[in-house]
């Protein structure tokens, strides 16, 4: 689950880090929403832009940040990602 705390313009969320046994820093992460996000604040397309999700592995973890590339602060709605590690 991604956070629902305000993200200022040009800023990122706190790190969302999930323990994942056997993950290496050189692995790849595939991630997608588990439901349609088009009606969720921050993830729905608007003329003002939308949030971007950045994902990366570290040893034993998968990690996510939500970046706000818009000109205004956004308090995102609740969304959940499904993810898979690929080697």
PDB file of N, CA and C in Angstrom:
ATOM      1  N   UNK A   1       0.854  -1.183   0.000  1.00  0.00           N
ATOM      2  CA  UNK A   1       0.000   0.000   0.000  1.00  0.00           C
ATOM      3  C   UNK A   1       0.893   1.236   0.000  1.00  0.00           C
ATOM      4  N   UNK A   2       0.563   2.167  -0.867  1.00  0.00           N
ATOM      5  CA  UNK A   2       1.309   3.425  -0.905  1.00  0.00           C
ATOM      6  C   UNK A   2       0.700   4.393   0.099  1.00  0.00           C
ATOM      7  N   UNK A   3       1.494   5.358   0.518  1.00  0.00           N
ATOM      8  CA  UNK A   3       1.067   6.294   1.546  1.00  0.00           C
ATOM      9  C   UNK A   3       0.006   7.273   1.089  1.00  0.00           C
ATOM     10  N   UNK A   4      -0.629   7.898   2.068  1.00  0.00           N
ATOM     11  CA  UNK A   4      -1.668   8.897   1.801  1.00  0.00           C
ATOM     12  C   UNK A   4      -1.353  10.216   2.505  1.00  0.00           C
ATOM     13  N   UNK A   5      -0.074  10.476   2.699  1.00  0.00           N
ATOM     14  CA  UNK A   5       0.383  11.708   3.335  1.00  0.00           C
ATOM     15  C   UNK A   5       0.717  12.741   2.264  1.00  0.00           C
ATOM     16  N   UNK A   6       0.420  13.995   2.526  1.00  0.00           N
ATOM     17  CA  UNK A   6       0.670  15.081   1.584  1.00  0.00           C
ATOM     18  C   UNK A   6       2.103  15.028   1.051  1.00  0.00           C
ATOM     19  N   UNK A   7       2.229  15.226  -0.273  1.00  0.00           N
ATOM     20  CA  UNK A   7       3.541  15.313  -0.920  1.00  0.00           C
ATOM     21  C   UNK A   7       3.620  16.691  -1.561  1.00  0.00           C
ATOM     22  N   UNK A   8       4.581  17.484  -1.134  1.00  0.00           N
ATOM     23  CA  UNK A   8       4.730  18.841  -1.647  1.00  0.00           C
ATOM     24  C   UNK A   8       5.143  18.824  -3.121  1.00  0.00           C
ATOM     25  N   UNK A   9       4.915  19.918  -3.801  1.00  0.00           N
ATOM     26  CA  UNK A   9       5.342  20.068  -5.188  1.00  0.00           C
ATOM     27  C   UNK A   9       6.846  19.851  -5.291  1.00  0.00           C
ATOM     28  N   UNK A  10       7.259  19.035  -6.256  1.00  0.00           N
ATOM     29  CA  UNK A  10       8.681  18.787  -6.464  1.00  0.00           C
ATOM     30  C   UNK A  10       9.333  17.925  -5.397  1.00  0.00           C
ATOM     31  N   UNK A  11       8.539  17.252  -4.587  1.00  0.00           N
ATOM     32  CA  UNK A  11       9.075  16.439  -3.491  1.00  0.00           C
ATOM     33  C   UNK A  11       8.702  14.969  -3.691  1.00  0.00           C
ATOM     34  N   UNK A  12       9.198  14.131  -2.773  1.00  0.00           N
ATOM     35  CA  UNK A  12       8.884  12.705  -2.821  1.00  0.00           C
ATOM     36  C   UNK A  12       8.324  12.272  -1.477  1.00  0.00           C
ATOM     37  N   UNK A  13       7.646  11.132  -1.484  1.00  0.00           N
ATOM     38  CA  UNK A  13       7.109  10.551  -0.253  1.00  0.00           C
ATOM     39  C   UNK A  13       8.250   9.994   0.590  1.00  0.00           C
ATOM     40  N   UNK A  14       7.903   9.548   1.773  1.00  0.00           N
ATOM     41  CA  UNK A  14       8.873   8.777   2.535  1.00  0.00           C
ATOM     42  C   UNK A  14       9.056   7.437   1.827  1.00  0.00           C
ATOM     43  N   UNK A  15      10.167   6.806   2.045  1.00  0.00           N
ATOM     44  CA  UNK A  15      10.464   5.529   1.408  1.00  0.00           C
ATOM     45  C   UNK A  15       9.502   4.455   1.906  1.00  0.00           C
ATOM     46  N   UNK A  16       8.939   3.718   0.965  1.00  0.00           N
ATOM     47  CA  UNK A  16       8.113   2.550   1.277  1.00  0.00           C
ATOM     48  C   UNK A  16       8.984   1.349   0.955  1.00  0.00           C
ATOM     49  N   UNK A  17       9.390   0.617   1.965  1.00  0.00           N
ATOM     50  CA  UNK A  17      10.335  -0.480   1.808  1.00  0.00           C
ATOM     51  C   UNK A  17       9.696  -1.757   2.338  1.00  0.00           C
ATOM     52  N   UNK A  18       9.690  -2.805   1.491  1.00  0.00           N
ATOM     53  CA  UNK A  18       9.051  -4.069   1.849  1.00  0.00           C
ATOM     54  C   UNK A  18      10.105  -5.176   1.832  1.00  0.00           C
ATOM     55  N   UNK A  19      10.209  -5.908   2.930  1.00  0.00           N
ATOM     56  CA  UNK A  19      11.153  -7.028   2.989  1.00  0.00           C
ATOM     57  C   UNK A  19      10.779  -8.078   1.958  1.00  0.00           C
ATOM     58  N   UNK A  20      11.785  -8.560   1.220  1.00  0.00           N
ATOM     59  CA  UNK A  20      11.574  -9.570   0.178  1.00  0.00           C
ATOM     60  C   UNK A  20      12.802 -10.478   0.158  1.00  0.00           C
ATOM     61  N   UNK A  21      12.684 -11.614   0.782  1.00  0.00           N
ATOM     62  CA  UNK A  21      13.795 -12.550   0.911  1.00  0.00           C
ATOM     63  C   UNK A  21      14.390 -12.904  -0.444  1.00  0.00           C
ATOM     64  N   UNK A  22      15.714 -12.828  -0.544  1.00  0.00           N
ATOM     65  CA  UNK A  22      16.418 -13.236  -1.749  1.00  0.00           C
ATOM     66  C   UNK A  22      16.578 -12.166  -2.809  1.00  0.00           C
ATOM     67  N   UNK A  23      15.980 -11.005  -2.619  1.00  0.00           N
ATOM     68  CA  UNK A  23      16.107  -9.941  -3.616  1.00  0.00           C
ATOM     69  C   UNK A  23      17.533  -9.403  -3.610  1.00  0.00           C
ATOM     70  N   UNK A  24      18.077  -9.203  -4.809  1.00  0.00           N
ATOM     71  CA  UNK A  24      19.406  -8.615  -4.971  1.00  0.00           C
ATOM     72  C   UNK A  24      19.266  -7.200  -5.505  1.00  0.00           C
ATOM     73  N   UNK A  25      20.252  -6.372  -5.245  1.00  0.00           N
ATOM     74  CA  UNK A  25      20.229  -4.989  -5.719  1.00  0.00           C
ATOM     75  C   UNK A  25      20.255  -4.911  -7.247  1.00  0.00           C
ATOM     76  N   UNK A  26      20.652  -5.979  -7.910  1.00  0.00           N
ATOM     77  CA  UNK A  26      20.715  -6.000  -9.374  1.00  0.00           C
ATOM     78  C   UNK A  26      19.439  -6.555 -10.013  1.00  0.00           C
ATOM     79  N   UNK A  27      18.454  -6.930  -9.219  1.00  0.00           N
ATOM     80  CA  UNK A  27      17.187  -7.442  -9.746  1.00  0.00           C
ATOM     81  C   UNK A  27      16.354  -6.294 -10.328  1.00  0.00           C
ATOM     82  N   UNK A  28      15.241  -6.648 -10.929  1.00  0.00           N
ATOM     83  CA  UNK A  28      14.297  -5.669 -11.462  1.00  0.00           C
ATOM     84  C   UNK A  28      12.950  -5.898 -10.787  1.00  0.00           C
ATOM     85  N   UNK A  29      12.183  -4.831 -10.629  1.00  0.00           N
ATOM     86  CA  UNK A  29      10.869  -4.923 -10.014  1.00  0.00           C
ATOM     87  C   UNK A  29       9.817  -4.543 -11.052  1.00  0.00           C
ATOM     88  N   UNK A  30       8.816  -5.394 -11.203  1.00  0.00           N
ATOM     89  CA  UNK A  30       7.643  -5.078 -12.007  1.00  0.00           C
ATOM     90  C   UNK A  30       6.532  -4.754 -11.018  1.00  0.00           C
ATOM     91  N   UNK A  31       5.842  -3.644 -11.214  1.00  0.00           N
ATOM     92  CA  UNK A  31       4.777  -3.261 -10.282  1.00  0.00           C
ATOM     93  C   UNK A  31       3.647  -2.592 -11.031  1.00  0.00           C
ATOM     94  N   UNK A  32       2.427  -2.881 -10.595  1.00  0.00           N
ATOM     95  CA  UNK A  32       1.226  -2.268 -11.160  1.00  0.00           C
ATOM     96  C   UNK A  32       0.164  -2.144 -10.080  1.00  0.00           C
ATOM     97  N   UNK A  33      -0.807  -1.282 -10.330  1.00  0.00           N
ATOM     98  CA  UNK A  33      -1.923  -1.125  -9.407  1.00  0.00           C
ATOM     99  C   UNK A  33      -2.736  -2.411  -9.361  1.00  0.00           C
ATOM    100  N   UNK A  34      -3.324  -2.698  -8.198  1.00  0.00           N
ATOM    101  CA  UNK A  34      -4.170  -3.891  -8.099  1.00  0.00           C
ATOM    102  C   UNK A  34      -5.627  -3.591  -8.452  1.00  0.00           C
ATOM    103  N   UNK A  35      -5.925  -2.330  -8.772  1.00  0.00           N
ATOM    104  CA  UNK A  35      -7.266  -1.906  -9.182  1.00  0.00           C
ATOM    105  C   UNK A  35      -7.125  -0.643 -10.028  1.00  0.00           C
ATOM    106  N   UNK A  36      -8.177  -0.246 -10.670  1.00  0.00           N
ATOM    107  CA  UNK A  36      -8.176   0.943 -11.529  1.00  0.00           C
ATOM    108  C   UNK A  36      -7.909   2.203 -10.698  1.00  0.00           C
ATOM    109  N   UNK A  37      -6.789   2.911 -10.940  1.00  0.00           N
ATOM    110  CA  UNK A  37      -6.472   4.102 -10.158  1.00  0.00           C
ATOM    111  C   UNK A  37      -7.032   5.396 -10.754  1.00  0.00           C
ATOM    112  N   UNK A  38      -7.766   5.312 -11.843  1.00  0.00           N
ATOM    113  CA  UNK A  38      -8.155   6.524 -12.577  1.00  0.00           C
ATOM    114  C   UNK A  38      -9.092   7.448 -11.802  1.00  0.00           C
ATOM    115  N   UNK A  39      -9.676   6.988 -10.722  1.00  0.00           N
ATOM    116  CA  UNK A  39     -10.521   7.846  -9.908  1.00  0.00           C
ATOM    117  C   UNK A  39      -9.898   8.196  -8.568  1.00  0.00           C
ATOM    118  N   UNK A  40      -8.620   7.878  -8.394  1.00  0.00           N
ATOM    119  CA  UNK A  40      -7.951   8.087  -7.107  1.00  0.00           C
ATOM    120  C   UNK A  40      -7.122   9.362  -7.163  1.00  0.00           C
ATOM    121  N   UNK A  41      -7.308  10.245  -6.198  1.00  0.00           N
ATOM    122  CA  UNK A  41      -6.574  11.511  -6.146  1.00  0.00           C
ATOM    123  C   UNK A  41      -5.078  11.265  -6.249  1.00  0.00           C
ATOM    124  N   UNK A  42      -4.445  11.979  -7.167  1.00  0.00           N
ATOM    125  CA  UNK A  42      -3.008  11.896  -7.366  1.00  0.00           C
ATOM    126  C   UNK A  42      -2.615  10.955  -8.495  1.00  0.00           C
ATOM    127  N   UNK A  43      -3.436   9.932  -8.732  1.00  0.00           N
ATOM    128  CA  UNK A  43      -3.113   8.946  -9.761  1.00  0.00           C
ATOM    129  C   UNK A  43      -4.044   9.064 -10.968  1.00  0.00           C
ATOM    130  N   UNK A  44      -5.066   9.884 -10.846  1.00  0.00           N
ATOM    131  CA  UNK A  44      -5.972  10.149 -11.958  1.00  0.00           C
ATOM    132  C   UNK A  44      -5.362  11.240 -12.829  1.00  0.00           C
ATOM    133  N   UNK A  45      -5.456  11.103 -14.146  1.00  0.00           N
ATOM    134  CA  UNK A  45      -4.905  12.145 -15.012  1.00  0.00           C
ATOM    135  C   UNK A  45      -5.697  13.451 -14.882  1.00  0.00           C
ATOM    136  N   UNK A  46      -4.961  14.551 -14.781  1.00  0.00           N
ATOM    137  CA  UNK A  46      -5.576  15.878 -14.741  1.00  0.00           C
ATOM    138  C   UNK A  46      -4.728  16.832 -15.577  1.00  0.00           C
ATOM    139  N   UNK A  47      -5.265  17.993 -15.863  1.00  0.00           N
ATOM    140  CA  UNK A  47      -4.514  19.009 -16.600  1.00  0.00           C
ATOM    141  C   UNK A  47      -3.314  19.496 -15.798  1.00  0.00           C
ATOM    142  N   UNK A  48      -3.343  19.272 -14.488  1.00  0.00           N
ATOM    143  CA  UNK A  48      -2.248  19.706 -13.620  1.00  0.00           C
ATOM    144  C   UNK A  48      -1.179  18.646 -13.437  1.00  0.00           C
ATOM    145  N   UNK A  49      -1.381  17.442 -13.978  1.00  0.00           N
ATOM    146  CA  UNK A  49      -0.401  16.371 -13.854  1.00  0.00           C
ATOM    147  C   UNK A  49      -0.822  15.336 -12.843  1.00  0.00           C
ATOM    148  N   UNK A  50       0.062  14.380 -12.605  1.00  0.00           N
ATOM    149  CA  UNK A  50      -0.213  13.306 -11.667  1.00  0.00           C
ATOM    150  C   UNK A  50       1.079  12.819 -11.030  1.00  0.00           C
ATOM    151  N   UNK A  51       0.954  12.010  -9.998  1.00  0.00           N
ATOM    152  CA  UNK A  51       2.113  11.487  -9.278  1.00  0.00           C
ATOM    153  C   UNK A  51       2.822  10.404 -10.087  1.00  0.00           C
ATOM    154  N   UNK A  52       4.105  10.223  -9.800  1.00  0.00           N
ATOM    155  CA  UNK A  52       4.923   9.198 -10.443  1.00  0.00           C
ATOM    156  C   UNK A  52       5.467   8.265  -9.368  1.00  0.00           C
ATOM    157  N   UNK A  53       5.463   6.974  -9.653  1.00  0.00           N
ATOM    158  CA  UNK A  53       5.984   5.981  -8.717  1.00  0.00           C
ATOM    159  C   UNK A  53       7.347   5.508  -9.207  1.00  0.00           C
ATOM    160  N   UNK A  54       8.338   5.580  -8.327  1.00  0.00           N
ATOM    161  CA  UNK A  54       9.695   5.117  -8.622  1.00  0.00           C
ATOM    162  C   UNK A  54       9.938   3.861  -7.795  1.00  0.00           C
ATOM    163  N   UNK A  55      10.451   2.814  -8.428  1.00  0.00           N
ATOM    164  CA  UNK A  55      10.681   1.547  -7.747  1.00  0.00           C
ATOM    165  C   UNK A  55      12.115   1.096  -7.954  1.00  0.00           C
ATOM    166  N   UNK A  56      12.677   0.443  -6.936  1.00  0.00           N
ATOM    167  CA  UNK A  56      14.046  -0.061  -7.068  1.00  0.00           C
ATOM    168  C   UNK A  56      14.301  -1.126  -6.006  1.00  0.00           C
ATOM    169  N   UNK A  57      15.175  -2.096  -6.314  1.00  0.00           N
ATOM    170  CA  UNK A  57      15.513  -3.126  -5.337  1.00  0.00           C
ATOM    171  C   UNK A  57      16.762  -2.753  -4.548  1.00  0.00           C
ATOM    172  N   UNK A  58      16.841  -3.263  -3.350  1.00  0.00           N
ATOM    173  CA  UNK A  58      18.078  -3.297  -2.577  1.00  0.00           C
ATOM    174  C   UNK A  58      18.148  -4.707  -1.992  1.00  0.00           C
ATOM    175  N   UNK A  59      19.256  -5.102  -1.474  1.00  0.00           N
ATOM    176  CA  UNK A  59      19.413  -6.469  -0.960  1.00  0.00           C
ATOM    177  C   UNK A  59      18.340  -6.765   0.087  1.00  0.00           C
ATOM    178  N   UNK A  60      17.440  -7.706  -0.246  1.00  0.00           N
ATOM    179  CA  UNK A  60      16.407  -8.123   0.683  1.00  0.00           C
ATOM    180  C   UNK A  60      15.164  -7.269   0.740  1.00  0.00           C
ATOM    181  N   UNK A  61      15.071  -6.253  -0.133  1.00  0.00           N
ATOM    182  CA  UNK A  61      13.923  -5.339  -0.086  1.00  0.00           C
ATOM    183  C   UNK A  61      13.507  -4.884  -1.482  1.00  0.00           C
ATOM    184  N   UNK A  62      12.228  -4.562  -1.618  1.00  0.00           N
ATOM    185  CA  UNK A  62      11.758  -3.778  -2.759  1.00  0.00           C
ATOM    186  C   UNK A  62      11.327  -2.426  -2.193  1.00  0.00           C
ATOM    187  N   UNK A  63      11.613  -1.367  -2.944  1.00  0.00           N
ATOM    188  CA  UNK A  63      11.441  -0.011  -2.436  1.00  0.00           C
ATOM    189  C   UNK A  63      10.669   0.841  -3.421  1.00  0.00           C
ATOM    190  N   UNK A  64       9.867   1.745  -2.864  1.00  0.00           N
ATOM    191  CA  UNK A  64       9.045   2.625  -3.688  1.00  0.00           C
ATOM    192  C   UNK A  64       9.064   4.035  -3.111  1.00  0.00           C
ATOM    193  N   UNK A  65       9.120   5.011  -4.001  1.00  0.00           N
ATOM    194  CA  UNK A  65       8.868   6.409  -3.675  1.00  0.00           C
ATOM    195  C   UNK A  65       7.738   6.881  -4.564  1.00  0.00           C
ATOM    196  N   UNK A  66       6.948   7.825  -4.081  1.00  0.00           N
ATOM    197  CA  UNK A  66       5.970   8.508  -4.914  1.00  0.00           C
ATOM    198  C   UNK A  66       6.478   9.931  -5.072  1.00  0.00           C
ATOM    199  N   UNK A  67       6.701  10.350  -6.325  1.00  0.00           N
ATOM    200  CA  UNK A  67       7.209  11.687  -6.628  1.00  0.00           C
ATOM    201  C   UNK A  67       6.078  12.585  -7.104  1.00  0.00           C
ATOM    202  N   UNK A  68       6.103  13.817  -6.655  1.00  0.00           N
ATOM    203  CA  UNK A  68       5.119  14.810  -7.096  1.00  0.00           C
ATOM    204  C   UNK A  68       5.797  15.760  -8.065  1.00  0.00           C
ATOM    205  N   UNK A  69       5.527  15.581  -9.348  1.00  0.00           N
ATOM    206  CA  UNK A  69       6.110  16.430 -10.390  1.00  0.00           C
ATOM    207  C   UNK A  69       5.181  17.565 -10.791  1.00  0.00           C
ATOM    208  N   UNK A  70       4.182  17.840  -9.977  1.00  0.00           N
ATOM    209  CA  UNK A  70       3.224  18.892 -10.311  1.00  0.00           C
ATOM    210  C   UNK A  70       3.598  20.196  -9.614  1.00  0.00           C
ATOM    211  N   UNK A  71       2.848  21.251  -9.919  1.00  0.00           N
ATOM    212  CA  UNK A  71       3.110  22.567  -9.340  1.00  0.00           C
ATOM    213  C   UNK A  71       2.413  22.772  -7.992  1.00  0.00           C
ATOM    214  N   UNK A  72       1.643  21.789  -7.541  1.00  0.00           N
ATOM    215  CA  UNK A  72       0.897  21.926  -6.291  1.00  0.00           C
ATOM    216  C   UNK A  72       1.124  20.710  -5.399  1.00  0.00           C
ATOM    217  N   UNK A  73       0.892  20.891  -4.110  1.00  0.00           N
ATOM    218  CA  UNK A  73       0.932  19.762  -3.183  1.00  0.00           C
ATOM    219  C   UNK A  73      -0.225  18.820  -3.498  1.00  0.00           C
ATOM    220  N   UNK A  74      -0.011  17.520  -3.259  1.00  0.00           N
ATOM    221  CA  UNK A  74      -1.061  16.522  -3.465  1.00  0.00           C
ATOM    222  C   UNK A  74      -1.087  15.589  -2.262  1.00  0.00           C
ATOM    223  N   UNK A  75      -2.284  15.346  -1.756  1.00  0.00           N
ATOM    224  CA  UNK A  75      -2.479  14.301  -0.761  1.00  0.00           C
ATOM    225  C   UNK A  75      -3.091  13.125  -1.512  1.00  0.00           C
ATOM    226  N   UNK A  76      -2.280  12.099  -1.806  1.00  0.00           N
ATOM    227  CA  UNK A  76      -2.777  11.013  -2.649  1.00  0.00           C
ATOM    228  C   UNK A  76      -3.815  10.149  -1.934  1.00  0.00           C
ATOM    229  N   UNK A  77      -4.720   9.606  -2.742  1.00  0.00           N
ATOM    230  CA  UNK A  77      -5.665   8.629  -2.231  1.00  0.00           C
ATOM    231  C   UNK A  77      -4.968   7.294  -2.046  1.00  0.00           C
ATOM    232  N   UNK A  78      -5.664   6.366  -1.432  1.00  0.00           N
ATOM    233  CA  UNK A  78      -5.097   5.048  -1.139  1.00  0.00           C
ATOM    234  C   UNK A  78      -5.060   4.175  -2.388  1.00  0.00           C
ATOM    235  N   UNK A  79      -3.898   3.614  -2.670  1.00  0.00           N
ATOM    236  CA  UNK A  79      -3.741   2.623  -3.741  1.00  0.00           C
ATOM    237  C   UNK A  79      -2.797   1.531  -3.249  1.00  0.00           C
ATOM    238  N   UNK A  80      -2.946   0.372  -3.852  1.00  0.00           N
ATOM    239  CA  UNK A  80      -2.089  -0.770  -3.526  1.00  0.00           C
ATOM    240  C   UNK A  80      -1.434  -1.258  -4.801  1.00  0.00           C
ATOM    241  N   UNK A  81      -0.165  -1.619  -4.693  1.00  0.00           N
ATOM    242  CA  UNK A  81       0.562  -2.173  -5.834  1.00  0.00           C
ATOM    243  C   UNK A  81       0.751  -3.667  -5.667  1.00  0.00           C
ATOM    244  N   UNK A  82       0.686  -4.382  -6.770  1.00  0.00           N
ATOM    245  CA  UNK A  82       1.161  -5.762  -6.839  1.00  0.00           C
ATOM    246  C   UNK A  82       2.528  -5.687  -7.480  1.00  0.00           C
ATOM    247  N   UNK A  83       3.491  -6.438  -6.971  1.00  0.00           N
ATOM    248  CA  UNK A  83       4.840  -6.368  -7.524  1.00  0.00           C
ATOM    249  C   UNK A  83       5.435  -7.759  -7.634  1.00  0.00           C
ATOM    250  N   UNK A  84       6.427  -7.843  -8.513  1.00  0.00           N
ATOM    251  CA  UNK A  84       7.155  -9.101  -8.751  1.00  0.00           C
ATOM    252  C   UNK A  84       8.613  -8.754  -8.993  1.00  0.00           C
ATOM    253  N   UNK A  85       9.501  -9.581  -8.482  1.00  0.00           N
ATOM    254  CA  UNK A  85      10.929  -9.402  -8.691  1.00  0.00           C
ATOM    255  C   UNK A  85      11.363 -10.289  -9.859  1.00  0.00           C
ATOM    256  N   UNK A  86      12.136  -9.716 -10.771  1.00  0.00           N
ATOM    257  CA  UNK A  86      12.632 -10.429 -11.943  1.00  0.00           C
ATOM    258  C   UNK A  86      14.155 -10.423 -11.900  1.00  0.00           C
ATOM    259  N   UNK A  87      14.728 -11.574 -12.172  1.00  0.00           N
ATOM    260  CA  UNK A  87      16.183 -11.664 -12.207  1.00  0.00           C
ATOM    261  C   UNK A  87      16.610 -12.024 -13.595  1.00  0.00           C
TER     262      UNK A  87
END
